[in-house]
């Protein structure tokens, strides 16, 4: 079986099952599928269903919404990463290249530094501020990098790096001066901000779905962009419009992911690169496979974060950094030794 889509879907299915089954309370697969069947309306023994009341609460109110949100975030980061790598023709590009993550982090830290009340609306202010600041950062970077009607790639990267440094400095200052929930802010910045319940899932889903759906239509355009902007224009591709669409969709997707899960690095770098090495660089195939692979990778990282020091829980960003940082150095060394593109 060499169909990459079948392999990717099978891997995702396995990680989904592991994510909802494994934890401080183990849910056997038979119980898991039985509860899912009961929820779907398939008739089962009433006595058996009642005997699994505790497992049902854990599954449907805690594990399943978290699993779905983590999968969405992983898919968003990897899909955005593949798009940025294709747009900038750079294997080291990731969703944080143009400041969206650091901007979102500043928005979240500002709310936490105010010691916002722990009500529903108070907690909702964190992802809302992260989302707004993330999109505002992208808009500012794009404006700073513009020269007339063109946006040179080098200018975009430099503006993103500069803004990221600036917003990170402000975030650090706010945390240093804050009398609020500093531990919460640190955990969020390390990728430990995954919220509980179905509300974050329904809130993030429209933005991630629209962003990834748009990026999936850009496969041919990204393939053409690999020849360079001038050649792409000669082939009839409206480079400026395509670049704006890809940046907007990828940034919208990343901002939504960061807003509800905190800052999780390297997923957008590692997954597209691995997919490219195994199945090639055709973006019509690379984008959907990266989305599936990103969901699987982050689910596995989240599972490890929950069980490594059980009953305590590590921020999932720690796990992805432990894997991603060495991988980044390997990619950097590889790109020095040979031309990647």
C-alpha atoms as a PDB file:
ATOM      1  CA  UNK A   1       0.000   0.000   0.000  1.00  0.00           C
ATOM      2  CA  UNK A   2       1.757   3.106  -1.245  1.00  0.00           C
ATOM      3  CA  UNK A   3      -1.119   5.545  -1.565  1.00  0.00           C
ATOM      4  CA  UNK A   4       0.039   8.508   0.557  1.00  0.00           C
ATOM      5  CA  UNK A   5      -3.521   9.581   1.353  1.00  0.00           C
ATOM      6  CA  UNK A   6      -4.488   6.146   2.670  1.00  0.00           C
ATOM      7  CA  UNK A   7      -1.327   5.970   4.784  1.00  0.00           C
ATOM      8  CA  UNK A   8      -1.869   9.479   6.160  1.00  0.00           C
ATOM      9  CA  UNK A   9      -5.515   8.826   7.032  1.00  0.00           C
ATOM     10  CA  UNK A  10      -4.614   5.551   8.786  1.00  0.00           C
ATOM     11  CA  UNK A  11      -1.910   7.280  10.848  1.00  0.00           C
ATOM     12  CA  UNK A  12      -4.361  10.040  11.764  1.00  0.00           C
ATOM     13  CA  UNK A  13      -7.015   7.500  12.763  1.00  0.00           C
ATOM     14  CA  UNK A  14      -4.543   5.690  15.040  1.00  0.00           C
ATOM     15  CA  UNK A  15      -3.426   8.914  16.734  1.00  0.00           C
ATOM     16  CA  UNK A  16      -7.058   9.997  17.195  1.00  0.00           C
ATOM     17  CA  UNK A  17      -7.911   6.733  18.943  1.00  0.00           C
ATOM     18  CA  UNK A  18      -4.815   6.892  21.138  1.00  0.00           C
ATOM     19  CA  UNK A  19      -5.537  10.505  22.053  1.00  0.00           C
ATOM     20  CA  UNK A  20      -9.044   9.800  23.348  1.00  0.00           C
ATOM     21  CA  UNK A  21      -8.188   6.435  24.931  1.00  0.00           C
ATOM     22  CA  UNK A  22      -4.934   7.128  26.787  1.00  0.00           C
ATOM     23  CA  UNK A  23      -4.637   9.379  29.807  1.00  0.00           C
ATOM     24  CA  UNK A  24      -4.845   9.372  33.583  1.00  0.00           C
ATOM     25  CA  UNK A  25      -7.963   7.216  33.113  1.00  0.00           C
ATOM     26  CA  UNK A  26      -7.563   4.626  30.368  1.00  0.00           C
ATOM     27  CA  UNK A  27     -10.612   3.986  28.176  1.00  0.00           C
ATOM     28  CA  UNK A  28     -10.406   0.560  26.469  1.00  0.00           C
ATOM     29  CA  UNK A  29     -11.106   0.559  22.722  1.00  0.00           C
ATOM     30  CA  UNK A  30     -14.230  -1.599  23.196  1.00  0.00           C
ATOM     31  CA  UNK A  31     -15.651   0.929  25.656  1.00  0.00           C
ATOM     32  CA  UNK A  32     -14.606   3.812  23.405  1.00  0.00           C
ATOM     33  CA  UNK A  33     -16.348   2.469  20.313  1.00  0.00           C
ATOM     34  CA  UNK A  34     -19.356   1.377  22.356  1.00  0.00           C
ATOM     35  CA  UNK A  35     -19.859   4.890  23.744  1.00  0.00           C
ATOM     36  CA  UNK A  36     -19.418   6.413  20.300  1.00  0.00           C
ATOM     37  CA  UNK A  37     -21.964   3.968  18.867  1.00  0.00           C
ATOM     38  CA  UNK A  38     -24.430   4.855  21.639  1.00  0.00           C
ATOM     39  CA  UNK A  39     -23.975   8.576  20.947  1.00  0.00           C
ATOM     40  CA  UNK A  40     -24.623   7.944  17.231  1.00  0.00           C
ATOM     41  CA  UNK A  41     -27.954   6.278  18.082  1.00  0.00           C
ATOM     42  CA  UNK A  42     -26.966   2.639  17.659  1.00  0.00           C
ATOM     43  CA  UNK A  43     -28.999   0.672  20.266  1.00  0.00           C
ATOM     44  CA  UNK A  44     -26.905  -0.839  23.083  1.00  0.00           C
ATOM     45  CA  UNK A  45     -27.646  -2.325  26.473  1.00  0.00           C
ATOM     46  CA  UNK A  46     -29.010   0.394  28.756  1.00  0.00           C
ATOM     47  CA  UNK A  47     -27.346  -1.210  31.784  1.00  0.00           C
ATOM     48  CA  UNK A  48     -23.959  -1.215  30.045  1.00  0.00           C
ATOM     49  CA  UNK A  49     -24.278   2.410  28.986  1.00  0.00           C
ATOM     50  CA  UNK A  50     -25.214   3.440  32.542  1.00  0.00           C
ATOM     51  CA  UNK A  51     -22.241   1.505  33.928  1.00  0.00           C
ATOM     52  CA  UNK A  52     -19.919   3.579  31.733  1.00  0.00           C
ATOM     53  CA  UNK A  53     -21.198   6.969  32.911  1.00  0.00           C
ATOM     54  CA  UNK A  54     -17.799   8.112  34.181  1.00  0.00           C
ATOM     55  CA  UNK A  55     -16.016   7.053  31.001  1.00  0.00           C
ATOM     56  CA  UNK A  56     -18.705   8.818  28.962  1.00  0.00           C
ATOM     57  CA  UNK A  57     -18.140  12.113  30.779  1.00  0.00           C
ATOM     58  CA  UNK A  58     -14.357  11.848  30.338  1.00  0.00           C
ATOM     59  CA  UNK A  59     -14.709  10.984  26.656  1.00  0.00           C
ATOM     60  CA  UNK A  60     -17.305  13.500  25.481  1.00  0.00           C
ATOM     61  CA  UNK A  61     -16.650  16.434  27.791  1.00  0.00           C
ATOM     62  CA  UNK A  62     -12.854  16.268  28.144  1.00  0.00           C
ATOM     63  CA  UNK A  63     -10.912  13.982  25.791  1.00  0.00           C
ATOM     64  CA  UNK A  64     -12.872  14.255  22.539  1.00  0.00           C
ATOM     65  CA  UNK A  65     -13.129  18.071  22.358  1.00  0.00           C
ATOM     66  CA  UNK A  66      -9.459  18.406  23.267  1.00  0.00           C
ATOM     67  CA  UNK A  67      -8.507  15.832  20.648  1.00  0.00           C
ATOM     68  CA  UNK A  68     -10.508  17.575  17.930  1.00  0.00           C
ATOM     69  CA  UNK A  69      -9.042  20.976  18.832  1.00  0.00           C
ATOM     70  CA  UNK A  70      -5.467  19.645  18.870  1.00  0.00           C
ATOM     71  CA  UNK A  71      -6.006  17.977  15.484  1.00  0.00           C
ATOM     72  CA  UNK A  72      -7.393  21.220  14.039  1.00  0.00           C
ATOM     73  CA  UNK A  73      -4.452  23.222  15.397  1.00  0.00           C
ATOM     74  CA  UNK A  74      -1.893  20.733  14.049  1.00  0.00           C
ATOM     75  CA  UNK A  75      -3.569  20.735  10.636  1.00  0.00           C
ATOM     76  CA  UNK A  76      -3.650  24.542  10.617  1.00  0.00           C
ATOM     77  CA  UNK A  77       0.017  24.942  11.517  1.00  0.00           C
ATOM     78  CA  UNK A  78       1.266  22.342   9.034  1.00  0.00           C
ATOM     79  CA  UNK A  79      -0.945  23.576   6.192  1.00  0.00           C
ATOM     80  CA  UNK A  80       0.198  27.150   6.800  1.00  0.00           C
ATOM     81  CA  UNK A  81       3.819  26.035   7.047  1.00  0.00           C
ATOM     82  CA  UNK A  82       3.687  24.234   3.707  1.00  0.00           C
ATOM     83  CA  UNK A  83       2.151  27.314   2.104  1.00  0.00           C
ATOM     84  CA  UNK A  84       4.770  29.677   3.543  1.00  0.00           C
ATOM     85  CA  UNK A  85       7.598  27.375   2.446  1.00  0.00           C
ATOM     86  CA  UNK A  86       6.232  27.313  -1.079  1.00  0.00           C
ATOM     87  CA  UNK A  87       5.508  31.025  -1.185  1.00  0.00           C
ATOM     88  CA  UNK A  88       8.973  32.032   0.044  1.00  0.00           C
ATOM     89  CA  UNK A  89      10.725  29.078  -1.664  1.00  0.00           C
ATOM     90  CA  UNK A  90      12.491  28.473   1.633  1.00  0.00           C
ATOM     91  CA  UNK A  91      12.470  25.152   3.561  1.00  0.00           C
ATOM     92  CA  UNK A  92      13.074  27.030   6.822  1.00  0.00           C
ATOM     93  CA  UNK A  93       9.866  29.075   6.590  1.00  0.00           C
ATOM     94  CA  UNK A  94       7.086  28.372   9.079  1.00  0.00           C
ATOM     95  CA  UNK A  95       3.834  30.040  10.217  1.00  0.00           C
ATOM     96  CA  UNK A  96       5.702  32.352  12.591  1.00  0.00           C
ATOM     97  CA  UNK A  97       7.904  33.856   9.905  1.00  0.00           C
ATOM     98  CA  UNK A  98       5.968  37.095   9.472  1.00  0.00           C
ATOM     99  CA  UNK A  99       5.070  37.808  13.075  1.00  0.00           C
ATOM    100  CA  UNK A 100       1.619  36.271  13.448  1.00  0.00           C
ATOM    101  CA  UNK A 101       2.539  34.102  16.453  1.00  0.00           C
ATOM    102  CA  UNK A 102       4.442  36.760  18.358  1.00  0.00           C
ATOM    103  CA  UNK A 103       1.659  39.254  17.701  1.00  0.00           C
ATOM    104  CA  UNK A 104      -0.934  36.809  18.967  1.00  0.00           C
ATOM    105  CA  UNK A 105       1.257  36.123  21.988  1.00  0.00           C
ATOM    106  CA  UNK A 106       1.380  39.842  22.813  1.00  0.00           C
ATOM    107  CA  UNK A 107      -2.415  40.079  22.692  1.00  0.00           C
ATOM    108  CA  UNK A 108      -2.818  37.118  25.034  1.00  0.00           C
ATOM    109  CA  UNK A 109      -0.162  38.326  27.494  1.00  0.00           C
ATOM    110  CA  UNK A 110      -1.740  41.788  27.629  1.00  0.00           C
ATOM    111  CA  UNK A 111      -5.055  40.284  28.724  1.00  0.00           C
ATOM    112  CA  UNK A 112      -3.399  37.986  31.274  1.00  0.00           C
ATOM    113  CA  UNK A 113      -1.290  40.836  32.653  1.00  0.00           C
ATOM    114  CA  UNK A 114      -4.504  42.710  33.473  1.00  0.00           C
ATOM    115  CA  UNK A 115      -5.495  39.820  35.758  1.00  0.00           C
ATOM    116  CA  UNK A 116      -8.719  39.379  33.788  1.00  0.00           C
ATOM    117  CA  UNK A 117     -11.539  37.765  35.793  1.00  0.00           C
ATOM    118  CA  UNK A 118     -11.931  33.982  35.464  1.00  0.00           C
ATOM    119  CA  UNK A 119     -15.466  34.204  34.096  1.00  0.00           C
ATOM    120  CA  UNK A 120     -16.525  32.813  30.720  1.00  0.00           C
ATOM    121  CA  UNK A 121     -16.098  36.192  29.016  1.00  0.00           C
ATOM    122  CA  UNK A 122     -12.870  36.814  30.896  1.00  0.00           C
ATOM    123  CA  UNK A 123     -11.373  33.565  29.635  1.00  0.00           C
ATOM    124  CA  UNK A 124     -12.713  34.215  26.134  1.00  0.00           C
ATOM    125  CA  UNK A 125     -10.806  37.515  26.067  1.00  0.00           C
ATOM    126  CA  UNK A 126      -7.460  35.672  25.789  1.00  0.00           C
ATOM    127  CA  UNK A 127      -8.059  33.923  22.440  1.00  0.00           C
ATOM    128  CA  UNK A 128      -9.974  36.964  21.145  1.00  0.00           C
ATOM    129  CA  UNK A 129      -7.055  39.304  21.875  1.00  0.00           C
ATOM    130  CA  UNK A 130      -4.560  36.787  20.452  1.00  0.00           C
ATOM    131  CA  UNK A 131      -6.581  36.495  17.258  1.00  0.00           C
ATOM    132  CA  UNK A 132      -6.937  40.255  16.785  1.00  0.00           C
ATOM    133  CA  UNK A 133      -3.286  41.023  17.499  1.00  0.00           C
ATOM    134  CA  UNK A 134      -2.122  38.165  15.258  1.00  0.00           C
ATOM    135  CA  UNK A 135      -4.035  39.455  12.248  1.00  0.00           C
ATOM    136  CA  UNK A 136      -3.027  43.050  13.031  1.00  0.00           C
ATOM    137  CA  UNK A 137       0.634  41.998  13.061  1.00  0.00           C
ATOM    138  CA  UNK A 138       0.331  40.404   9.639  1.00  0.00           C
ATOM    139  CA  UNK A 139      -1.376  43.500   8.235  1.00  0.00           C
ATOM    140  CA  UNK A 140       1.361  45.734   9.677  1.00  0.00           C
ATOM    141  CA  UNK A 141       4.170  43.552   8.315  1.00  0.00           C
ATOM    142  CA  UNK A 142       2.564  43.450   4.881  1.00  0.00           C
ATOM    143  CA  UNK A 143       2.202  47.260   4.895  1.00  0.00           C
ATOM    144  CA  UNK A 144       5.796  47.805   6.028  1.00  0.00           C
ATOM    145  CA  UNK A 145       7.151  45.436   3.367  1.00  0.00           C
ATOM    146  CA  UNK A 146       5.144  46.944   0.492  1.00  0.00           C
ATOM    147  CA  UNK A 147       6.900  48.940  -2.211  1.00  0.00           C
ATOM    148  CA  UNK A 148       4.169  50.436  -4.315  1.00  0.00           C
ATOM    149  CA  UNK A 149       1.998  47.545  -5.426  1.00  0.00           C
ATOM    150  CA  UNK A 150       4.688  44.922  -4.936  1.00  0.00           C
ATOM    151  CA  UNK A 151       5.763  43.109  -1.769  1.00  0.00           C
ATOM    152  CA  UNK A 152       9.306  41.696  -2.119  1.00  0.00           C
ATOM    153  CA  UNK A 153       9.786  38.442  -0.240  1.00  0.00           C
ATOM    154  CA  UNK A 154      12.995  39.655   1.431  1.00  0.00           C
ATOM    155  CA  UNK A 155      11.233  42.765   2.750  1.00  0.00           C
ATOM    156  CA  UNK A 156       8.388  40.637   4.092  1.00  0.00           C
ATOM    157  CA  UNK A 157      10.719  38.317   5.989  1.00  0.00           C
ATOM    158  CA  UNK A 158      12.810  41.169   7.412  1.00  0.00           C
ATOM    159  CA  UNK A 159       9.717  43.079   8.512  1.00  0.00           C
ATOM    160  CA  UNK A 160       8.323  39.930  10.132  1.00  0.00           C
ATOM    161  CA  UNK A 161      11.534  39.243  12.050  1.00  0.00           C
ATOM    162  CA  UNK A 162      11.733  42.852  13.243  1.00  0.00           C
ATOM    163  CA  UNK A 163       8.108  42.933  14.390  1.00  0.00           C
ATOM    164  CA  UNK A 164       8.470  39.562  16.103  1.00  0.00           C
ATOM    165  CA  UNK A 165      11.436  40.847  18.103  1.00  0.00           C
ATOM    166  CA  UNK A 166       9.524  44.001  19.049  1.00  0.00           C
ATOM    167  CA  UNK A 167       6.329  42.242  20.159  1.00  0.00           C
ATOM    168  CA  UNK A 168       8.305  39.584  22.038  1.00  0.00           C
ATOM    169  CA  UNK A 169      10.154  42.321  23.927  1.00  0.00           C
ATOM    170  CA  UNK A 170       6.864  43.962  24.905  1.00  0.00           C
ATOM    171  CA  UNK A 171       5.428  40.605  26.003  1.00  0.00           C
ATOM    172  CA  UNK A 172       8.495  39.947  28.166  1.00  0.00           C
ATOM    173  CA  UNK A 173       8.212  43.394  29.753  1.00  0.00           C
ATOM    174  CA  UNK A 174       4.523  42.914  30.536  1.00  0.00           C
ATOM    175  CA  UNK A 175       5.230  39.542  32.120  1.00  0.00           C
ATOM    176  CA  UNK A 176       8.067  41.035  34.161  1.00  0.00           C
ATOM    177  CA  UNK A 177       5.881  43.858  35.450  1.00  0.00           C
ATOM    178  CA  UNK A 178       2.685  41.855  35.802  1.00  0.00           C
ATOM    179  CA  UNK A 179       1.038  41.052  39.097  1.00  0.00           C
ATOM    180  CA  UNK A 180      -1.472  38.834  37.360  1.00  0.00           C
ATOM    181  CA  UNK A 181      -1.421  35.144  36.498  1.00  0.00           C
ATOM    182  CA  UNK A 182       2.187  34.877  35.309  1.00  0.00           C
ATOM    183  CA  UNK A 183       2.205  31.063  35.356  1.00  0.00           C
ATOM    184  CA  UNK A 184      -0.771  31.010  32.999  1.00  0.00           C
ATOM    185  CA  UNK A 185       0.971  33.398  30.600  1.00  0.00           C
ATOM    186  CA  UNK A 186       4.174  31.342  30.568  1.00  0.00           C
ATOM    187  CA  UNK A 187       2.231  28.119  29.990  1.00  0.00           C
ATOM    188  CA  UNK A 188       0.291  29.717  27.142  1.00  0.00           C
ATOM    189  CA  UNK A 189       3.460  30.970  25.463  1.00  0.00           C
ATOM    190  CA  UNK A 190       4.926  27.450  25.714  1.00  0.00           C
ATOM    191  CA  UNK A 191       1.942  25.937  23.941  1.00  0.00           C
ATOM    192  CA  UNK A 192      -0.002  24.983  27.037  1.00  0.00           C
ATOM    193  CA  UNK A 193      -3.097  27.038  26.343  1.00  0.00           C
ATOM    194  CA  UNK A 194      -5.398  24.325  25.065  1.00  0.00           C
ATOM    195  CA  UNK A 195      -8.890  25.122  26.358  1.00  0.00           C
ATOM    196  CA  UNK A 196     -11.438  22.556  27.460  1.00  0.00           C
ATOM    197  CA  UNK A 197     -14.924  21.867  26.184  1.00  0.00           C
ATOM    198  CA  UNK A 198     -16.497  22.189  22.768  1.00  0.00           C
ATOM    199  CA  UNK A 199     -16.735  26.011  22.710  1.00  0.00           C
ATOM    200  CA  UNK A 200     -13.108  26.540  21.534  1.00  0.00           C
ATOM    201  CA  UNK A 201     -13.600  23.912  18.824  1.00  0.00           C
ATOM    202  CA  UNK A 202     -16.666  25.619  17.364  1.00  0.00           C
ATOM    203  CA  UNK A 203     -14.986  29.017  17.690  1.00  0.00           C
ATOM    204  CA  UNK A 204     -11.783  28.018  15.869  1.00  0.00           C
ATOM    205  CA  UNK A 205     -13.353  25.720  13.265  1.00  0.00           C
ATOM    206  CA  UNK A 206     -14.752  28.360  10.845  1.00  0.00           C
ATOM    207  CA  UNK A 207     -11.474  30.301  10.621  1.00  0.00           C
ATOM    208  CA  UNK A 208      -9.318  27.198  10.223  1.00  0.00           C
ATOM    209  CA  UNK A 209     -11.712  25.643   7.710  1.00  0.00           C
ATOM    210  CA  UNK A 210     -11.854  28.803   5.577  1.00  0.00           C
ATOM    211  CA  UNK A 211      -8.081  29.281   5.738  1.00  0.00           C
ATOM    212  CA  UNK A 212      -7.153  25.699   4.922  1.00  0.00           C
ATOM    213  CA  UNK A 213      -9.864  25.445   2.277  1.00  0.00           C
ATOM    214  CA  UNK A 214      -8.418  28.501   0.530  1.00  0.00           C
ATOM    215  CA  UNK A 215      -4.860  27.177   0.759  1.00  0.00           C
ATOM    216  CA  UNK A 216      -5.900  23.840  -0.758  1.00  0.00           C
ATOM    217  CA  UNK A 217      -6.980  25.691  -3.892  1.00  0.00           C
ATOM    218  CA  UNK A 218      -3.521  27.275  -4.193  1.00  0.00           C
ATOM    219  CA  UNK A 219      -1.619  24.080  -5.034  1.00  0.00           C
ATOM    220  CA  UNK A 220      -1.161  24.869  -8.729  1.00  0.00           C
ATOM    221  CA  UNK A 221      -0.242  28.485  -7.997  1.00  0.00           C
ATOM    222  CA  UNK A 222       2.421  27.408  -5.503  1.00  0.00           C
ATOM    223  CA  UNK A 223       3.841  24.974  -8.057  1.00  0.00           C
ATOM    224  CA  UNK A 224       4.147  27.800 -10.587  1.00  0.00           C
ATOM    225  CA  UNK A 225       5.731  30.133  -8.020  1.00  0.00           C
ATOM    226  CA  UNK A 226       8.632  27.697  -7.646  1.00  0.00           C
ATOM    227  CA  UNK A 227       9.929  28.977 -11.011  1.00  0.00           C
ATOM    228  CA  UNK A 228      10.293  32.499  -9.579  1.00  0.00           C
ATOM    229  CA  UNK A 229       8.044  35.545  -9.719  1.00  0.00           C
ATOM    230  CA  UNK A 230       9.093  36.711 -13.179  1.00  0.00           C
ATOM    231  CA  UNK A 231       8.645  33.298 -14.770  1.00  0.00           C
ATOM    232  CA  UNK A 232       5.315  32.849 -12.953  1.00  0.00           C
ATOM    233  CA  UNK A 233       4.065  36.167 -14.353  1.00  0.00           C
ATOM    234  CA  UNK A 234       5.130  35.137 -17.837  1.00  0.00           C
ATOM    235  CA  UNK A 235       3.100  31.963 -17.377  1.00  0.00           C
ATOM    236  CA  UNK A 236       0.030  34.086 -16.641  1.00  0.00           C
ATOM    237  CA  UNK A 237      -0.052  33.864 -12.831  1.00  0.00           C
ATOM    238  CA  UNK A 238      -1.109  37.091 -11.047  1.00  0.00           C
ATOM    239  CA  UNK A 239       1.746  36.884  -8.562  1.00  0.00           C
ATOM    240  CA  UNK A 240       0.758  39.838  -6.372  1.00  0.00           C
ATOM    241  CA  UNK A 241      -2.830  38.668  -5.964  1.00  0.00           C
ATOM    242  CA  UNK A 242      -1.810  35.052  -5.325  1.00  0.00           C
ATOM    243  CA  UNK A 243       0.766  36.104  -2.724  1.00  0.00           C
ATOM    244  CA  UNK A 244      -1.822  38.237  -0.905  1.00  0.00           C
ATOM    245  CA  UNK A 245      -4.376  35.407  -0.883  1.00  0.00           C
ATOM    246  CA  UNK A 246      -1.860  32.867   0.437  1.00  0.00           C
ATOM    247  CA  UNK A 247      -0.499  35.184   3.131  1.00  0.00           C
ATOM    248  CA  UNK A 248      -4.002  36.164   4.270  1.00  0.00           C
ATOM    249  CA  UNK A 249      -5.304  32.585   4.381  1.00  0.00           C
ATOM    250  CA  UNK A 250      -2.192  31.175   6.074  1.00  0.00           C
ATOM    251  CA  UNK A 251      -2.103  33.992   8.607  1.00  0.00           C
ATOM    252  CA  UNK A 252      -5.831  33.673   9.382  1.00  0.00           C
ATOM    253  CA  UNK A 253      -5.353  29.947   9.946  1.00  0.00           C
ATOM    254  CA  UNK A 254      -2.289  30.412  12.134  1.00  0.00           C
ATOM    255  CA  UNK A 255      -3.870  33.206  14.178  1.00  0.00           C
ATOM    256  CA  UNK A 256      -6.893  31.017  14.942  1.00  0.00           C
ATOM    257  CA  UNK A 257      -4.654  28.110  15.953  1.00  0.00           C
ATOM    258  CA  UNK A 258      -2.445  30.251  18.197  1.00  0.00           C
ATOM    259  CA  UNK A 259      -5.447  31.993  19.747  1.00  0.00           C
ATOM    260  CA  UNK A 260      -6.903  28.761  21.104  1.00  0.00           C
ATOM    261  CA  UNK A 261      -3.830  26.597  21.701  1.00  0.00           C
ATOM    262  CA  UNK A 262      -0.980  28.950  22.552  1.00  0.00           C
ATOM    263  CA  UNK A 263       2.319  29.200  20.704  1.00  0.00           C
ATOM    264  CA  UNK A 264       3.356  25.780  19.393  1.00  0.00           C
ATOM    265  CA  UNK A 265       6.479  25.821  17.275  1.00  0.00           C
ATOM    266  CA  UNK A 266       8.057  23.632  14.591  1.00  0.00           C
ATOM    267  CA  UNK A 267       4.931  21.740  13.447  1.00  0.00           C
ATOM    268  CA  UNK A 268       4.746  23.959  10.384  1.00  0.00           C
ATOM    269  CA  UNK A 269       8.447  23.381   9.709  1.00  0.00           C
ATOM    270  CA  UNK A 270       8.823  19.654  10.346  1.00  0.00           C
ATOM    271  CA  UNK A 271       5.693  18.150   8.796  1.00  0.00           C
ATOM    272  CA  UNK A 272       5.811  19.739   5.301  1.00  0.00           C
ATOM    273  CA  UNK A 273       9.522  19.017   5.061  1.00  0.00           C
ATOM    274  CA  UNK A 274       9.065  15.334   5.923  1.00  0.00           C
ATOM    275  CA  UNK A 275       6.153  15.016   3.476  1.00  0.00           C
ATOM    276  CA  UNK A 276       8.265  16.650   0.764  1.00  0.00           C
ATOM    277  CA  UNK A 277      11.166  14.266   1.355  1.00  0.00           C
ATOM    278  CA  UNK A 278       8.898  11.197   1.171  1.00  0.00           C
ATOM    279  CA  UNK A 279       6.356  12.091  -1.516  1.00  0.00           C
ATOM    280  CA  UNK A 280       7.859  14.989  -3.426  1.00  0.00           C
ATOM    281  CA  UNK A 281       7.225  18.698  -3.743  1.00  0.00           C
ATOM    282  CA  UNK A 282       4.024  18.827  -5.814  1.00  0.00           C
ATOM    283  CA  UNK A 283       1.904  21.248  -3.789  1.00  0.00           C
ATOM    284  CA  UNK A 284      -1.340  19.778  -5.046  1.00  0.00           C
ATOM    285  CA  UNK A 285      -0.412  16.720  -2.995  1.00  0.00           C
ATOM    286  CA  UNK A 286       1.894  18.311  -0.436  1.00  0.00           C
ATOM    287  CA  UNK A 287      -0.753  20.628   1.044  1.00  0.00           C
ATOM    288  CA  UNK A 288      -3.429  18.014   1.894  1.00  0.00           C
ATOM    289  CA  UNK A 289      -0.815  15.536   3.130  1.00  0.00           C
ATOM    290  CA  UNK A 290       0.740  18.223   5.346  1.00  0.00           C
ATOM    291  CA  UNK A 291      -2.666  19.003   6.834  1.00  0.00           C
ATOM    292  CA  UNK A 292      -3.234  15.332   7.689  1.00  0.00           C
ATOM    293  CA  UNK A 293       0.340  14.906   8.938  1.00  0.00           C
ATOM    294  CA  UNK A 294       0.193  18.041  11.080  1.00  0.00           C
ATOM    295  CA  UNK A 295      -2.918  16.800  12.853  1.00  0.00           C
ATOM    296  CA  UNK A 296      -1.230  13.445  13.526  1.00  0.00           C
ATOM    297  CA  UNK A 297       2.041  14.976  14.753  1.00  0.00           C
ATOM    298  CA  UNK A 298       0.403  17.370  17.201  1.00  0.00           C
ATOM    299  CA  UNK A 299      -1.935  14.665  18.517  1.00  0.00           C
ATOM    300  CA  UNK A 300       1.075  12.452  19.209  1.00  0.00           C
ATOM    301  CA  UNK A 301       2.953  15.350  20.848  1.00  0.00           C
ATOM    302  CA  UNK A 302      -0.088  16.163  22.990  1.00  0.00           C
ATOM    303  CA  UNK A 303      -0.351  12.521  24.050  1.00  0.00           C
ATOM    304  CA  UNK A 304       3.301  12.477  25.096  1.00  0.00           C
ATOM    305  CA  UNK A 305       2.842  15.756  26.967  1.00  0.00           C
ATOM    306  CA  UNK A 306       0.067  14.155  29.009  1.00  0.00           C
ATOM    307  CA  UNK A 307       1.844  10.931  29.941  1.00  0.00           C
ATOM    308  CA  UNK A 308       5.572  11.745  30.217  1.00  0.00           C
ATOM    309  CA  UNK A 309       5.341  13.092  33.785  1.00  0.00           C
ATOM    310  CA  UNK A 310       1.860  11.795  34.634  1.00  0.00           C
ATOM    311  CA  UNK A 311      -0.156  12.987  36.586  1.00  0.00           C
ATOM    312  CA  UNK A 312       1.435  16.356  35.725  1.00  0.00           C
ATOM    313  CA  UNK A 313       1.210  17.677  32.165  1.00  0.00           C
ATOM    314  CA  UNK A 314       3.905  19.281  30.039  1.00  0.00           C
ATOM    315  CA  UNK A 315       3.096  22.130  27.633  1.00  0.00           C
ATOM    316  CA  UNK A 316       2.815  20.516  24.222  1.00  0.00           C
ATOM    317  CA  UNK A 317       5.145  23.200  22.844  1.00  0.00           C
ATOM    318  CA  UNK A 318       7.963  21.664  24.888  1.00  0.00           C
ATOM    319  CA  UNK A 319       7.519  18.332  23.097  1.00  0.00           C
ATOM    320  CA  UNK A 320       7.394  19.884  19.621  1.00  0.00           C
ATOM    321  CA  UNK A 321      10.480  21.993  20.398  1.00  0.00           C
ATOM    322  CA  UNK A 322      12.456  18.944  21.551  1.00  0.00           C
ATOM    323  CA  UNK A 323      11.709  17.309  18.208  1.00  0.00           C
ATOM    324  CA  UNK A 324      11.687  20.394  16.010  1.00  0.00           C
ATOM    325  CA  UNK A 325      14.852  22.188  17.127  1.00  0.00           C
ATOM    326  CA  UNK A 326      17.254  19.354  16.143  1.00  0.00           C
ATOM    327  CA  UNK A 327      15.271  18.905  12.932  1.00  0.00           C
ATOM    328  CA  UNK A 328      15.647  22.621  12.168  1.00  0.00           C
ATOM    329  CA  UNK A 329      19.425  22.373  12.599  1.00  0.00           C
ATOM    330  CA  UNK A 330      19.516  19.321  10.325  1.00  0.00           C
ATOM    331  CA  UNK A 331      17.533  21.159   7.641  1.00  0.00           C
ATOM    332  CA  UNK A 332      19.811  24.187   7.989  1.00  0.00           C
ATOM    333  CA  UNK A 333      22.896  22.025   7.507  1.00  0.00           C
ATOM    334  CA  UNK A 334      21.301  20.219   4.576  1.00  0.00           C
ATOM    335  CA  UNK A 335      20.388  23.458   2.788  1.00  0.00           C
ATOM    336  CA  UNK A 336      23.992  24.634   3.175  1.00  0.00           C
ATOM    337  CA  UNK A 337      25.291  21.453   1.568  1.00  0.00           C
ATOM    338  CA  UNK A 338      22.947  21.420  -1.422  1.00  0.00           C
ATOM    339  CA  UNK A 339      20.356  23.449  -3.224  1.00  0.00           C
ATOM    340  CA  UNK A 340      16.965  22.468  -1.803  1.00  0.00           C
ATOM    341  CA  UNK A 341      14.830  23.970  -4.452  1.00  0.00           C
END
